[in-house]
């Protein structure tokens, strides 16, 4: 299996549910940011006068940007699932998690808009995991740690929620997470987060359910 799923700890599904709803809101906003950044770059590329940019110019520029970012932040390059696995097992500083989130949105949207080979599934999981990890870290700074589920729990739910929001498929996110964890305790938090994220992303985008 690609993921090394850590042992999860869910503190209290009922009392924490509002926190997972908050994570869902953040997941929806993050998913919208990824989609919006990609669409904006595609529109800009299309608006350029003919022949103003050689056919290979955009992919080369996107590759250079990705390489430059990867040189300073290698985790962003996402070699297989090793980086994602490390996010689920290591406690990284909040600032680093937020930095990785922003840089991954930047590289993914730039690469997709330029026409470079790539996808949305793995980057969405990466972005969601960093979001969940950062969200937990912020909560832990203001709430008693014993009242919160573990950081890997939030990271996994964040990963599935951003993926669900991106494709407007919350049930898919729930099935994916359950297949990875075989833990029924995470289903309610995940479905709550994923449904809210999908709703928020679709409401902001105003796409009326359009899928990419």
C-alpha atoms as a PDB file:
ATOM      1  CA  UNK A   1       0.000   0.000   0.000  1.00  0.00           C
ATOM      2  CA  UNK A   2       1.248   3.514  -0.821  1.00  0.00           C
ATOM      3  CA  UNK A   3       0.318   4.969   2.558  1.00  0.00           C
ATOM      4  CA  UNK A   4       1.857   4.034   5.882  1.00  0.00           C
ATOM      5  CA  UNK A   5      -1.313   4.803   7.803  1.00  0.00           C
ATOM      6  CA  UNK A   6      -0.504   5.724  11.408  1.00  0.00           C
ATOM      7  CA  UNK A   7      -2.512   4.623  14.403  1.00  0.00           C
ATOM      8  CA  UNK A   8      -5.278   7.160  14.845  1.00  0.00           C
ATOM      9  CA  UNK A   9      -6.703   8.575  18.025  1.00  0.00           C
ATOM     10  CA  UNK A  10     -10.150  10.178  18.094  1.00  0.00           C
ATOM     11  CA  UNK A  11     -10.708  11.991  21.379  1.00  0.00           C
ATOM     12  CA  UNK A  12     -14.467  12.664  21.276  1.00  0.00           C
ATOM     13  CA  UNK A  13     -16.384  12.512  18.026  1.00  0.00           C
ATOM     14  CA  UNK A  14     -19.370  14.519  19.292  1.00  0.00           C
ATOM     15  CA  UNK A  15     -17.633  17.389  21.080  1.00  0.00           C
ATOM     16  CA  UNK A  16     -15.015  17.727  18.361  1.00  0.00           C
ATOM     17  CA  UNK A  17     -17.523  17.733  15.503  1.00  0.00           C
ATOM     18  CA  UNK A  18     -17.656  21.577  15.317  1.00  0.00           C
ATOM     19  CA  UNK A  19     -13.861  21.568  14.948  1.00  0.00           C
ATOM     20  CA  UNK A  20     -14.106  19.103  12.064  1.00  0.00           C
ATOM     21  CA  UNK A  21     -16.775  21.293  10.476  1.00  0.00           C
ATOM     22  CA  UNK A  22     -14.280  24.144  10.725  1.00  0.00           C
ATOM     23  CA  UNK A  23     -11.694  21.965   9.014  1.00  0.00           C
ATOM     24  CA  UNK A  24     -14.271  21.290   6.303  1.00  0.00           C
ATOM     25  CA  UNK A  25     -14.720  25.022   5.738  1.00  0.00           C
ATOM     26  CA  UNK A  26     -10.957  25.431   5.414  1.00  0.00           C
ATOM     27  CA  UNK A  27     -10.795  22.433   3.063  1.00  0.00           C
ATOM     28  CA  UNK A  28     -13.456  23.969   0.831  1.00  0.00           C
ATOM     29  CA  UNK A  29     -11.649  27.290   0.724  1.00  0.00           C
ATOM     30  CA  UNK A  30      -8.335  25.578   0.019  1.00  0.00           C
ATOM     31  CA  UNK A  31      -9.825  23.470  -2.768  1.00  0.00           C
ATOM     32  CA  UNK A  32     -11.352  26.579  -4.298  1.00  0.00           C
ATOM     33  CA  UNK A  33      -7.985  28.346  -4.109  1.00  0.00           C
ATOM     34  CA  UNK A  34      -6.363  25.491  -6.046  1.00  0.00           C
ATOM     35  CA  UNK A  35      -9.088  25.430  -8.702  1.00  0.00           C
ATOM     36  CA  UNK A  36      -9.208  29.212  -8.970  1.00  0.00           C
ATOM     37  CA  UNK A  37      -5.431  29.557  -9.298  1.00  0.00           C
ATOM     38  CA  UNK A  38      -5.372  26.972 -12.075  1.00  0.00           C
ATOM     39  CA  UNK A  39      -8.300  28.562 -13.928  1.00  0.00           C
ATOM     40  CA  UNK A  40      -6.760  32.032 -13.649  1.00  0.00           C
ATOM     41  CA  UNK A  41      -3.456  30.866 -15.094  1.00  0.00           C
ATOM     42  CA  UNK A  42      -5.198  28.984 -17.915  1.00  0.00           C
ATOM     43  CA  UNK A  43      -7.229  32.107 -18.759  1.00  0.00           C
ATOM     44  CA  UNK A  44      -4.103  34.260 -18.710  1.00  0.00           C
ATOM     45  CA  UNK A  45      -2.260  31.854 -20.974  1.00  0.00           C
ATOM     46  CA  UNK A  46      -5.199  31.830 -23.397  1.00  0.00           C
ATOM     47  CA  UNK A  47      -5.361  35.634 -23.427  1.00  0.00           C
ATOM     48  CA  UNK A  48      -1.789  36.013 -24.674  1.00  0.00           C
ATOM     49  CA  UNK A  49      -1.417  37.066 -28.319  1.00  0.00           C
ATOM     50  CA  UNK A  50      -0.652  34.219 -30.728  1.00  0.00           C
ATOM     51  CA  UNK A  51       3.027  33.374 -30.973  1.00  0.00           C
ATOM     52  CA  UNK A  52       3.859  35.576 -27.968  1.00  0.00           C
ATOM     53  CA  UNK A  53       4.820  32.411 -26.105  1.00  0.00           C
ATOM     54  CA  UNK A  54       6.372  29.408 -27.867  1.00  0.00           C
ATOM     55  CA  UNK A  55       4.498  26.126 -27.481  1.00  0.00           C
ATOM     56  CA  UNK A  56       7.160  24.810 -25.109  1.00  0.00           C
ATOM     57  CA  UNK A  57       7.619  28.108 -23.306  1.00  0.00           C
ATOM     58  CA  UNK A  58       4.920  27.653 -20.677  1.00  0.00           C
ATOM     59  CA  UNK A  59       5.958  24.105 -19.655  1.00  0.00           C
ATOM     60  CA  UNK A  60       9.597  25.168 -19.478  1.00  0.00           C
ATOM     61  CA  UNK A  61       8.788  28.164 -17.283  1.00  0.00           C
ATOM     62  CA  UNK A  62       6.552  26.033 -15.061  1.00  0.00           C
ATOM     63  CA  UNK A  63       9.274  23.403 -14.794  1.00  0.00           C
ATOM     64  CA  UNK A  64      11.849  26.011 -13.826  1.00  0.00           C
ATOM     65  CA  UNK A  65       9.551  27.444 -11.163  1.00  0.00           C
ATOM     66  CA  UNK A  66       8.805  23.996  -9.767  1.00  0.00           C
ATOM     67  CA  UNK A  67      12.485  23.092  -9.762  1.00  0.00           C
ATOM     68  CA  UNK A  68      13.421  26.320  -7.990  1.00  0.00           C
ATOM     69  CA  UNK A  69      10.778  25.792  -5.316  1.00  0.00           C
ATOM     70  CA  UNK A  70      11.770  22.137  -4.982  1.00  0.00           C
ATOM     71  CA  UNK A  71      15.407  23.094  -4.501  1.00  0.00           C
ATOM     72  CA  UNK A  72      14.565  25.119  -1.403  1.00  0.00           C
ATOM     73  CA  UNK A  73      11.619  22.972  -0.239  1.00  0.00           C
ATOM     74  CA  UNK A  74      12.217  19.392  -1.493  1.00  0.00           C
ATOM     75  CA  UNK A  75       9.112  18.064   0.266  1.00  0.00           C
ATOM     76  CA  UNK A  76       6.944  19.919  -2.253  1.00  0.00           C
ATOM     77  CA  UNK A  77       8.158  17.727  -5.124  1.00  0.00           C
ATOM     78  CA  UNK A  78       6.238  14.748  -3.765  1.00  0.00           C
ATOM     79  CA  UNK A  79       8.392  11.758  -4.690  1.00  0.00           C
ATOM     80  CA  UNK A  80       5.824   8.976  -4.513  1.00  0.00           C
ATOM     81  CA  UNK A  81       3.961   9.045  -1.206  1.00  0.00           C
ATOM     82  CA  UNK A  82       7.017   9.291   1.032  1.00  0.00           C
ATOM     83  CA  UNK A  83       6.456  12.974   1.762  1.00  0.00           C
ATOM     84  CA  UNK A  84       2.784  12.441   2.531  1.00  0.00           C
ATOM     85  CA  UNK A  85       3.663   9.534   4.811  1.00  0.00           C
ATOM     86  CA  UNK A  86       6.116  11.763   6.646  1.00  0.00           C
ATOM     87  CA  UNK A  87       3.395  14.379   7.121  1.00  0.00           C
ATOM     88  CA  UNK A  88       1.237  11.722   8.763  1.00  0.00           C
ATOM     89  CA  UNK A  89       3.917  10.548  11.173  1.00  0.00           C
ATOM     90  CA  UNK A  90       6.074  13.601  11.914  1.00  0.00           C
ATOM     91  CA  UNK A  91       5.063  16.700  13.841  1.00  0.00           C
ATOM     92  CA  UNK A  92       6.154  19.571  11.612  1.00  0.00           C
ATOM     93  CA  UNK A  93       6.141  23.259  12.616  1.00  0.00           C
ATOM     94  CA  UNK A  94       2.960  25.141  11.753  1.00  0.00           C
ATOM     95  CA  UNK A  95       4.851  27.673   9.636  1.00  0.00           C
ATOM     96  CA  UNK A  96       6.422  24.893   7.561  1.00  0.00           C
ATOM     97  CA  UNK A  97       3.066  23.175   7.012  1.00  0.00           C
ATOM     98  CA  UNK A  98       1.470  26.410   5.807  1.00  0.00           C
ATOM     99  CA  UNK A  99       4.468  27.117   3.574  1.00  0.00           C
ATOM    100  CA  UNK A 100       4.250  23.656   1.997  1.00  0.00           C
ATOM    101  CA  UNK A 101       0.508  24.105   1.465  1.00  0.00           C
ATOM    102  CA  UNK A 102       0.932  27.433  -0.354  1.00  0.00           C
ATOM    103  CA  UNK A 103       3.879  26.223  -2.419  1.00  0.00           C
ATOM    104  CA  UNK A 104       2.076  23.024  -3.432  1.00  0.00           C
ATOM    105  CA  UNK A 105      -0.914  25.020  -4.644  1.00  0.00           C
ATOM    106  CA  UNK A 106       1.502  27.230  -6.596  1.00  0.00           C
ATOM    107  CA  UNK A 107       3.396  24.399  -8.275  1.00  0.00           C
ATOM    108  CA  UNK A 108       0.296  22.285  -8.982  1.00  0.00           C
ATOM    109  CA  UNK A 109      -1.718  25.123 -10.535  1.00  0.00           C
ATOM    110  CA  UNK A 110       1.270  26.351 -12.567  1.00  0.00           C
ATOM    111  CA  UNK A 111       2.128  22.893 -13.870  1.00  0.00           C
ATOM    112  CA  UNK A 112      -1.479  22.072 -14.750  1.00  0.00           C
ATOM    113  CA  UNK A 113      -2.093  25.383 -16.505  1.00  0.00           C
ATOM    114  CA  UNK A 114       1.131  25.115 -18.502  1.00  0.00           C
ATOM    115  CA  UNK A 115       0.313  21.659 -19.815  1.00  0.00           C
ATOM    116  CA  UNK A 116       2.926  19.706 -17.892  1.00  0.00           C
ATOM    117  CA  UNK A 117       2.089  16.104 -17.111  1.00  0.00           C
ATOM    118  CA  UNK A 118       0.555  15.699 -13.700  1.00  0.00           C
ATOM    119  CA  UNK A 119      -2.679  15.182 -11.849  1.00  0.00           C
ATOM    120  CA  UNK A 120      -4.891  16.495  -9.078  1.00  0.00           C
ATOM    121  CA  UNK A 121      -5.460  13.481  -6.822  1.00  0.00           C
ATOM    122  CA  UNK A 122      -2.056  13.154  -5.164  1.00  0.00           C
ATOM    123  CA  UNK A 123      -1.507  16.935  -4.864  1.00  0.00           C
ATOM    124  CA  UNK A 124      -4.973  17.293  -3.304  1.00  0.00           C
ATOM    125  CA  UNK A 125      -4.064  14.695  -0.678  1.00  0.00           C
ATOM    126  CA  UNK A 126      -0.758  16.446   0.010  1.00  0.00           C
ATOM    127  CA  UNK A 127      -2.413  19.865   0.305  1.00  0.00           C
ATOM    128  CA  UNK A 128      -5.142  18.461   2.543  1.00  0.00           C
ATOM    129  CA  UNK A 129      -2.663  16.712   4.824  1.00  0.00           C
ATOM    130  CA  UNK A 130      -0.656  19.907   5.339  1.00  0.00           C
ATOM    131  CA  UNK A 131      -3.896  21.806   5.948  1.00  0.00           C
ATOM    132  CA  UNK A 132      -5.090  19.268   8.527  1.00  0.00           C
ATOM    133  CA  UNK A 133      -1.725  19.219  10.262  1.00  0.00           C
ATOM    134  CA  UNK A 134      -1.546  23.009  10.453  1.00  0.00           C
ATOM    135  CA  UNK A 135      -5.163  23.217  11.636  1.00  0.00           C
ATOM    136  CA  UNK A 136      -4.458  20.749  14.459  1.00  0.00           C
ATOM    137  CA  UNK A 137      -1.322  22.616  15.430  1.00  0.00           C
ATOM    138  CA  UNK A 138      -3.234  25.887  15.705  1.00  0.00           C
ATOM    139  CA  UNK A 139      -6.019  24.244  17.720  1.00  0.00           C
ATOM    140  CA  UNK A 140      -3.470  22.658  20.063  1.00  0.00           C
ATOM    141  CA  UNK A 141      -2.056  26.103  20.812  1.00  0.00           C
ATOM    142  CA  UNK A 142      -5.384  27.342  22.177  1.00  0.00           C
ATOM    143  CA  UNK A 143      -7.156  24.185  23.402  1.00  0.00           C
ATOM    144  CA  UNK A 144      -6.112  21.400  25.789  1.00  0.00           C
ATOM    145  CA  UNK A 145      -4.240  18.778  23.788  1.00  0.00           C
ATOM    146  CA  UNK A 146      -6.033  15.937  25.575  1.00  0.00           C
ATOM    147  CA  UNK A 147      -9.350  17.202  24.235  1.00  0.00           C
ATOM    148  CA  UNK A 148      -8.182  16.890  20.626  1.00  0.00           C
ATOM    149  CA  UNK A 149      -7.745  13.924  18.343  1.00  0.00           C
ATOM    150  CA  UNK A 150      -4.201  13.186  17.197  1.00  0.00           C
ATOM    151  CA  UNK A 151      -2.408  15.240  14.565  1.00  0.00           C
ATOM    152  CA  UNK A 152      -2.379  12.306  12.067  1.00  0.00           C
ATOM    153  CA  UNK A 153      -6.168  12.072  12.451  1.00  0.00           C
ATOM    154  CA  UNK A 154      -6.588  15.700  11.451  1.00  0.00           C
ATOM    155  CA  UNK A 155      -4.043  15.321   8.659  1.00  0.00           C
ATOM    156  CA  UNK A 156      -5.846  12.311   7.161  1.00  0.00           C
ATOM    157  CA  UNK A 157      -9.265  13.939   7.467  1.00  0.00           C
ATOM    158  CA  UNK A 158      -7.846  17.105   5.927  1.00  0.00           C
ATOM    159  CA  UNK A 159      -6.398  15.110   3.031  1.00  0.00           C
ATOM    160  CA  UNK A 160      -9.693  13.344   2.318  1.00  0.00           C
ATOM    161  CA  UNK A 161     -11.691  16.566   2.777  1.00  0.00           C
ATOM    162  CA  UNK A 162      -9.676  18.592   0.267  1.00  0.00           C
ATOM    163  CA  UNK A 163      -9.881  15.701  -2.194  1.00  0.00           C
ATOM    164  CA  UNK A 164     -13.639  15.465  -1.646  1.00  0.00           C
ATOM    165  CA  UNK A 165     -14.048  19.219  -2.041  1.00  0.00           C
ATOM    166  CA  UNK A 166     -11.959  19.294  -5.188  1.00  0.00           C
ATOM    167  CA  UNK A 167     -14.092  16.690  -6.934  1.00  0.00           C
ATOM    168  CA  UNK A 168     -17.338  17.425  -5.025  1.00  0.00           C
ATOM    169  CA  UNK A 169     -17.433  13.785  -3.920  1.00  0.00           C
ATOM    170  CA  UNK A 170     -17.637  13.550  -0.107  1.00  0.00           C
ATOM    171  CA  UNK A 171     -18.697   9.898  -0.132  1.00  0.00           C
ATOM    172  CA  UNK A 172     -15.593   9.042  -2.142  1.00  0.00           C
ATOM    173  CA  UNK A 173     -13.450  10.743   0.500  1.00  0.00           C
ATOM    174  CA  UNK A 174     -15.164   8.763   3.243  1.00  0.00           C
ATOM    175  CA  UNK A 175     -14.679   5.459   1.474  1.00  0.00           C
ATOM    176  CA  UNK A 176     -11.040   6.279   0.745  1.00  0.00           C
ATOM    177  CA  UNK A 177     -10.246   7.113   4.352  1.00  0.00           C
ATOM    178  CA  UNK A 178     -12.046   4.068   5.701  1.00  0.00           C
ATOM    179  CA  UNK A 179     -10.169   1.812   3.267  1.00  0.00           C
ATOM    180  CA  UNK A 180      -6.921   3.288   4.566  1.00  0.00           C
ATOM    181  CA  UNK A 181      -7.707   3.180   8.271  1.00  0.00           C
ATOM    182  CA  UNK A 182     -10.454   0.557   8.796  1.00  0.00           C
ATOM    183  CA  UNK A 183     -11.447   2.806  11.694  1.00  0.00           C
ATOM    184  CA  UNK A 184     -15.163   3.525  12.091  1.00  0.00           C
ATOM    185  CA  UNK A 185     -14.460   6.317  14.577  1.00  0.00           C
ATOM    186  CA  UNK A 186     -13.213   8.628  11.815  1.00  0.00           C
ATOM    187  CA  UNK A 187     -16.251   8.221   9.533  1.00  0.00           C
ATOM    188  CA  UNK A 188     -18.497  10.805  11.198  1.00  0.00           C
ATOM    189  CA  UNK A 189     -15.742  13.472  11.487  1.00  0.00           C
ATOM    190  CA  UNK A 190     -14.653  12.806   7.913  1.00  0.00           C
ATOM    191  CA  UNK A 191     -18.132  12.897   6.411  1.00  0.00           C
ATOM    192  CA  UNK A 192     -18.959  16.067   8.321  1.00  0.00           C
ATOM    193  CA  UNK A 193     -15.744  17.731   7.154  1.00  0.00           C
ATOM    194  CA  UNK A 194     -15.996  16.444   3.586  1.00  0.00           C
ATOM    195  CA  UNK A 195     -19.636  17.436   3.091  1.00  0.00           C
ATOM    196  CA  UNK A 196     -19.041  20.931   4.452  1.00  0.00           C
ATOM    197  CA  UNK A 197     -15.917  21.316   2.311  1.00  0.00           C
ATOM    198  CA  UNK A 198     -17.736  20.249  -0.851  1.00  0.00           C
ATOM    199  CA  UNK A 199     -20.620  22.613  -0.088  1.00  0.00           C
ATOM    200  CA  UNK A 200     -18.333  25.566   0.624  1.00  0.00           C
ATOM    201  CA  UNK A 201     -16.243  25.029  -2.504  1.00  0.00           C
ATOM    202  CA  UNK A 202     -19.279  24.675  -4.740  1.00  0.00           C
ATOM    203  CA  UNK A 203     -21.063  27.629  -3.152  1.00  0.00           C
ATOM    204  CA  UNK A 204     -18.071  29.932  -3.643  1.00  0.00           C
ATOM    205  CA  UNK A 205     -17.306  28.775  -7.168  1.00  0.00           C
ATOM    206  CA  UNK A 206     -20.971  29.083  -8.202  1.00  0.00           C
ATOM    207  CA  UNK A 207     -20.502  26.240 -10.638  1.00  0.00           C
ATOM    208  CA  UNK A 208     -23.820  24.625  -9.878  1.00  0.00           C
ATOM    209  CA  UNK A 209     -22.259  21.241  -9.428  1.00  0.00           C
ATOM    210  CA  UNK A 210     -19.965  21.345 -12.442  1.00  0.00           C
ATOM    211  CA  UNK A 211     -17.111  18.887 -12.186  1.00  0.00           C
ATOM    212  CA  UNK A 212     -13.671  19.293 -13.639  1.00  0.00           C
END
